[in-house]
Structures are given as structure tokens and as C-alpha cells.
Amino acid sequence: MLLAVVGEGSTLRDVARMLGVSDSGIQLEKRKLALALAAFMGANILAESTRQPLWRNNLMAGRERQACRAARINHSTAGGAAPA
């Protein structure tokens, strides 16, 4: 329920009121949830979840390559003399 209510945009304080627990009680539940997630998904899940996916690096490199090609073509067709 904690995740569902927070996922809908409510605060932890709202969840605490709904469940009839104190703010510190809901913080304890949040810590328990974090420990359970770390145990289930691995200790480095937070670092992995914030890391940029490898496919994005490949996508960005491809776009940069295309931009460089386009810049070279535009430069050579703009009448500029090629450097010697």
C-alpha cells in the first residue's frame, strides 16, 4: 500500500495518516521496504537504477557521428577550401 499511495502522488505523511501510524512509524516502514528491495534486487540496485543505459550511449555516439558527417559535408559544399 505504501508504494501505491506514494506512486499516486501522496506524501509519506498522508500514508501515515491513512494507516494510523506516526511519521516515525512510516519512516520505519520505508526503511524496511528499502532493505527488502536491496535484499531482493541486490545491494547496488540504487546505483544501477540511476546509471545511464548502455543503449543510450550507443544511440548518442551514433547521433554524434551523424552530426560530424553532416558538418563536414556542409563545410565542404559551402565553398570553403579544404585545408592543405
N, C-alpha and C. Protein backbone atom coordinates (compact mmCIF):
# COMPACT_ATOMS: atom_id res chain seq x y z
N MET A 1 0.83 -1.19 0.00
CA MET A 1 0.00 0.00 0.00
C MET A 1 0.87 1.25 0.00
N LEU A 2 1.98 1.21 0.70
CA LEU A 2 2.88 2.35 0.78
C LEU A 2 3.28 2.82 -0.61
N LEU A 3 3.74 1.89 -1.44
CA LEU A 3 4.18 2.25 -2.78
C LEU A 3 3.03 2.74 -3.65
N ALA A 4 1.88 2.12 -3.53
CA ALA A 4 0.73 2.50 -4.36
C ALA A 4 0.30 3.94 -4.07
N VAL A 5 0.21 4.27 -2.80
CA VAL A 5 -0.26 5.61 -2.42
C VAL A 5 0.78 6.66 -2.78
N VAL A 6 2.05 6.39 -2.52
CA VAL A 6 3.11 7.35 -2.87
C VAL A 6 3.21 7.46 -4.39
N GLY A 7 3.04 6.35 -5.09
CA GLY A 7 3.07 6.37 -6.55
C GLY A 7 1.97 7.21 -7.14
N GLU A 8 0.87 7.36 -6.44
CA GLU A 8 -0.23 8.20 -6.90
C GLU A 8 0.00 9.67 -6.59
N GLY A 9 1.09 9.98 -5.91
CA GLY A 9 1.42 11.38 -5.64
C GLY A 9 1.24 11.83 -4.21
N SER A 10 0.82 10.95 -3.34
CA SER A 10 0.65 11.32 -1.93
C SER A 10 2.01 11.33 -1.24
N THR A 11 2.05 12.00 -0.11
CA THR A 11 3.28 12.04 0.67
C THR A 11 3.30 10.90 1.69
N LEU A 12 4.46 10.68 2.26
CA LEU A 12 4.56 9.66 3.32
C LEU A 12 3.70 10.04 4.52
N ARG A 13 3.57 11.32 4.78
CA ARG A 13 2.72 11.76 5.89
C ARG A 13 1.26 11.38 5.63
N ASP A 14 0.83 11.52 4.36
CA ASP A 14 -0.54 11.10 4.01
C ASP A 14 -0.72 9.60 4.24
N VAL A 15 0.29 8.83 3.86
CA VAL A 15 0.23 7.37 4.04
C VAL A 15 0.17 7.05 5.53
N ALA A 16 0.96 7.75 6.32
CA ALA A 16 0.96 7.51 7.77
C ALA A 16 -0.43 7.76 8.35
N ARG A 17 -1.06 8.84 7.92
CA ARG A 17 -2.42 9.14 8.41
C ARG A 17 -3.40 8.06 7.99
N MET A 18 -3.28 7.61 6.72
CA MET A 18 -4.20 6.58 6.23
C MET A 18 -4.06 5.28 7.03
N LEU A 19 -2.84 4.94 7.39
CA LEU A 19 -2.58 3.69 8.10
C LEU A 19 -2.68 3.84 9.61
N GLY A 20 -2.83 5.07 10.07
CA GLY A 20 -2.95 5.31 11.51
C GLY A 20 -1.66 5.12 12.27
N VAL A 21 -0.54 5.45 11.63
CA VAL A 21 0.76 5.35 12.30
C VAL A 21 1.41 6.73 12.34
N SER A 22 2.44 6.85 13.16
CA SER A 22 3.15 8.13 13.28
C SER A 22 4.09 8.33 12.10
N ASP A 23 4.61 9.54 11.98
CA ASP A 23 5.60 9.82 10.93
C ASP A 23 6.83 8.93 11.08
N SER A 24 7.27 8.74 12.32
CA SER A 24 8.43 7.88 12.53
C SER A 24 8.10 6.42 12.20
N GLY A 25 6.86 6.03 12.43
CA GLY A 25 6.43 4.67 12.08
C GLY A 25 6.47 4.43 10.58
N ILE A 26 6.05 5.42 9.82
CA ILE A 26 6.07 5.27 8.35
C ILE A 26 7.50 5.30 7.84
N GLN A 27 8.38 6.07 8.51
CA GLN A 27 9.80 6.07 8.14
C GLN A 27 10.41 4.70 8.37
N LEU A 28 10.01 4.05 9.47
CA LEU A 28 10.48 2.71 9.74
C LEU A 28 10.02 1.75 8.64
N GLU A 29 8.78 1.88 8.21
CA GLU A 29 8.27 1.04 7.13
C GLU A 29 9.03 1.30 5.83
N LYS A 30 9.37 2.55 5.60
CA LYS A 30 10.14 2.90 4.40
C LYS A 30 11.52 2.24 4.44
N ARG A 31 12.16 2.27 5.61
CA ARG A 31 13.47 1.63 5.75
C ARG A 31 13.37 0.12 5.55
N LYS A 32 12.32 -0.49 6.10
CA LYS A 32 12.12 -1.93 5.93
C LYS A 32 11.94 -2.27 4.44
N LEU A 33 11.18 -1.45 3.75
CA LEU A 33 10.96 -1.66 2.33
C LEU A 33 12.28 -1.54 1.56
N ALA A 34 13.08 -0.54 1.90
CA ALA A 34 14.38 -0.36 1.25
C ALA A 34 15.28 -1.57 1.48
N LEU A 35 15.29 -2.09 2.70
CA LEU A 35 16.11 -3.27 3.00
C LEU A 35 15.61 -4.49 2.24
N ALA A 36 14.29 -4.65 2.16
CA ALA A 36 13.73 -5.79 1.44
C ALA A 36 14.06 -5.70 -0.05
N LEU A 37 13.97 -4.50 -0.61
CA LEU A 37 14.32 -4.31 -2.02
C LEU A 37 15.80 -4.60 -2.27
N ALA A 38 16.64 -4.12 -1.38
CA ALA A 38 18.09 -4.36 -1.53
C ALA A 38 18.38 -5.86 -1.42
N ALA A 39 17.70 -6.54 -0.53
CA ALA A 39 17.92 -7.99 -0.38
C ALA A 39 17.44 -8.74 -1.62
N PHE A 40 16.34 -8.30 -2.19
CA PHE A 40 15.76 -8.98 -3.35
C PHE A 40 16.51 -8.64 -4.64
N MET A 41 16.86 -7.37 -4.83
CA MET A 41 17.43 -6.92 -6.10
C MET A 41 18.94 -6.74 -6.07
N GLY A 42 19.54 -6.84 -4.91
CA GLY A 42 20.99 -6.67 -4.80
C GLY A 42 21.33 -5.34 -4.15
N ALA A 43 22.44 -5.31 -3.49
CA ALA A 43 22.83 -4.14 -2.71
C ALA A 43 23.11 -2.91 -3.58
N ASN A 44 23.52 -3.12 -4.82
CA ASN A 44 23.87 -1.99 -5.68
C ASN A 44 22.73 -1.57 -6.61
N ILE A 45 21.49 -1.90 -6.26
CA ILE A 45 20.36 -1.60 -7.13
C ILE A 45 20.18 -0.09 -7.33
N LEU A 46 20.45 0.70 -6.31
CA LEU A 46 20.28 2.15 -6.45
C LEU A 46 21.26 2.70 -7.47
N ALA A 47 22.51 2.29 -7.42
CA ALA A 47 23.50 2.75 -8.39
C ALA A 47 23.13 2.28 -9.80
N GLU A 48 22.66 1.04 -9.92
CA GLU A 48 22.28 0.52 -11.22
C GLU A 48 21.08 1.24 -11.79
N SER A 49 20.14 1.61 -10.94
CA SER A 49 18.92 2.25 -11.43
C SER A 49 19.17 3.68 -11.88
N THR A 50 20.22 4.32 -11.41
CA THR A 50 20.49 5.69 -11.82
C THR A 50 21.52 5.78 -12.93
N ARG A 51 22.14 4.66 -13.28
CA ARG A 51 23.15 4.64 -14.35
C ARG A 51 22.47 4.73 -15.71
N GLN A 52 23.11 5.46 -16.61
CA GLN A 52 22.56 5.59 -17.96
C GLN A 52 22.68 4.24 -18.68
N PRO A 53 21.60 3.80 -19.31
CA PRO A 53 21.66 2.51 -20.01
C PRO A 53 22.67 2.53 -21.14
N LEU A 54 23.29 1.38 -21.40
CA LEU A 54 24.31 1.30 -22.44
C LEU A 54 23.76 1.61 -23.81
N TRP A 55 22.51 1.26 -24.08
CA TRP A 55 21.95 1.54 -25.40
C TRP A 55 21.88 3.05 -25.66
N ARG A 56 21.73 3.85 -24.62
CA ARG A 56 21.70 5.31 -24.81
C ARG A 56 23.07 5.82 -25.23
N ASN A 57 24.14 5.24 -24.65
CA ASN A 57 25.48 5.64 -25.06
C ASN A 57 25.68 5.36 -26.54
N ASN A 58 25.25 4.18 -27.00
CA ASN A 58 25.38 3.83 -28.41
C ASN A 58 24.55 4.75 -29.29
N LEU A 59 23.36 5.08 -28.85
CA LEU A 59 22.48 5.97 -29.59
C LEU A 59 23.10 7.36 -29.70
N MET A 60 23.63 7.87 -28.60
CA MET A 60 24.23 9.20 -28.61
C MET A 60 25.49 9.22 -29.48
N ALA A 61 26.29 8.17 -29.43
CA ALA A 61 27.50 8.12 -30.25
C ALA A 61 27.14 8.12 -31.73
N GLY A 62 26.10 7.38 -32.10
CA GLY A 62 25.64 7.37 -33.49
C GLY A 62 25.17 8.74 -33.94
N ARG A 63 24.45 9.42 -33.10
CA ARG A 63 23.97 10.77 -33.45
C ARG A 63 25.14 11.75 -33.58
N GLU A 64 26.12 11.63 -32.69
CA GLU A 64 27.29 12.50 -32.78
C GLU A 64 28.06 12.24 -34.07
N ARG A 65 28.18 10.97 -34.45
CA ARG A 65 28.85 10.63 -35.70
C ARG A 65 28.12 11.24 -36.89
N GLN A 66 26.79 11.13 -36.90
CA GLN A 66 25.99 11.72 -37.98
C GLN A 66 26.15 13.24 -38.02
N ALA A 67 26.19 13.87 -36.87
CA ALA A 67 26.34 15.32 -36.82
C ALA A 67 27.70 15.74 -37.36
N CYS A 68 28.75 14.98 -37.05
CA CYS A 68 30.09 15.30 -37.56
C CYS A 68 30.13 15.15 -39.07
N ARG A 69 29.53 14.07 -39.58
CA ARG A 69 29.48 13.87 -41.04
C ARG A 69 28.75 15.02 -41.71
N ALA A 70 27.61 15.39 -41.16
CA ALA A 70 26.82 16.47 -41.73
C ALA A 70 27.61 17.78 -41.71
N ALA A 71 28.33 18.02 -40.63
CA ALA A 71 29.13 19.25 -40.54
C ALA A 71 30.24 19.24 -41.58
N ARG A 72 30.89 18.08 -41.79
CA ARG A 72 31.95 18.00 -42.81
C ARG A 72 31.38 18.21 -44.21
N ILE A 73 30.21 17.62 -44.48
CA ILE A 73 29.59 17.78 -45.80
C ILE A 73 29.18 19.22 -46.01
N ASN A 74 28.59 19.83 -45.01
CA ASN A 74 28.16 21.22 -45.12
C ASN A 74 29.37 22.15 -45.31
N HIS A 75 30.44 21.85 -44.63
CA HIS A 75 31.64 22.67 -44.74
C HIS A 75 32.25 22.54 -46.15
N SER A 76 32.28 21.33 -46.67
CA SER A 76 32.91 21.14 -47.98
C SER A 76 32.04 21.66 -49.11
N THR A 77 30.72 21.69 -48.96
CA THR A 77 29.84 22.20 -50.02
C THR A 77 29.57 23.69 -49.88
N ALA A 78 30.04 24.29 -48.83
CA ALA A 78 29.82 25.72 -48.62
C ALA A 78 30.83 26.57 -49.35
N GLY A 79 31.67 25.96 -50.15
CA GLY A 79 32.64 26.71 -50.95
C GLY A 79 33.94 26.97 -50.23
N GLY A 80 34.05 26.47 -49.03
CA GLY A 80 35.29 26.66 -48.30
C GLY A 80 36.37 25.75 -48.84
N ALA A 81 37.54 26.25 -48.94
CA ALA A 81 38.66 25.44 -49.44
C ALA A 81 39.08 24.47 -48.34
N ALA A 82 39.37 23.27 -48.74
CA ALA A 82 39.82 22.27 -47.79
C ALA A 82 41.21 22.62 -47.33
N PRO A 83 41.48 22.45 -46.04
CA PRO A 83 42.82 22.75 -45.55
C PRO A 83 43.86 21.83 -46.18
N ALA A 84 45.03 22.40 -46.44
CA ALA A 84 46.08 21.64 -47.09
C ALA A 84 46.88 20.84 -46.12
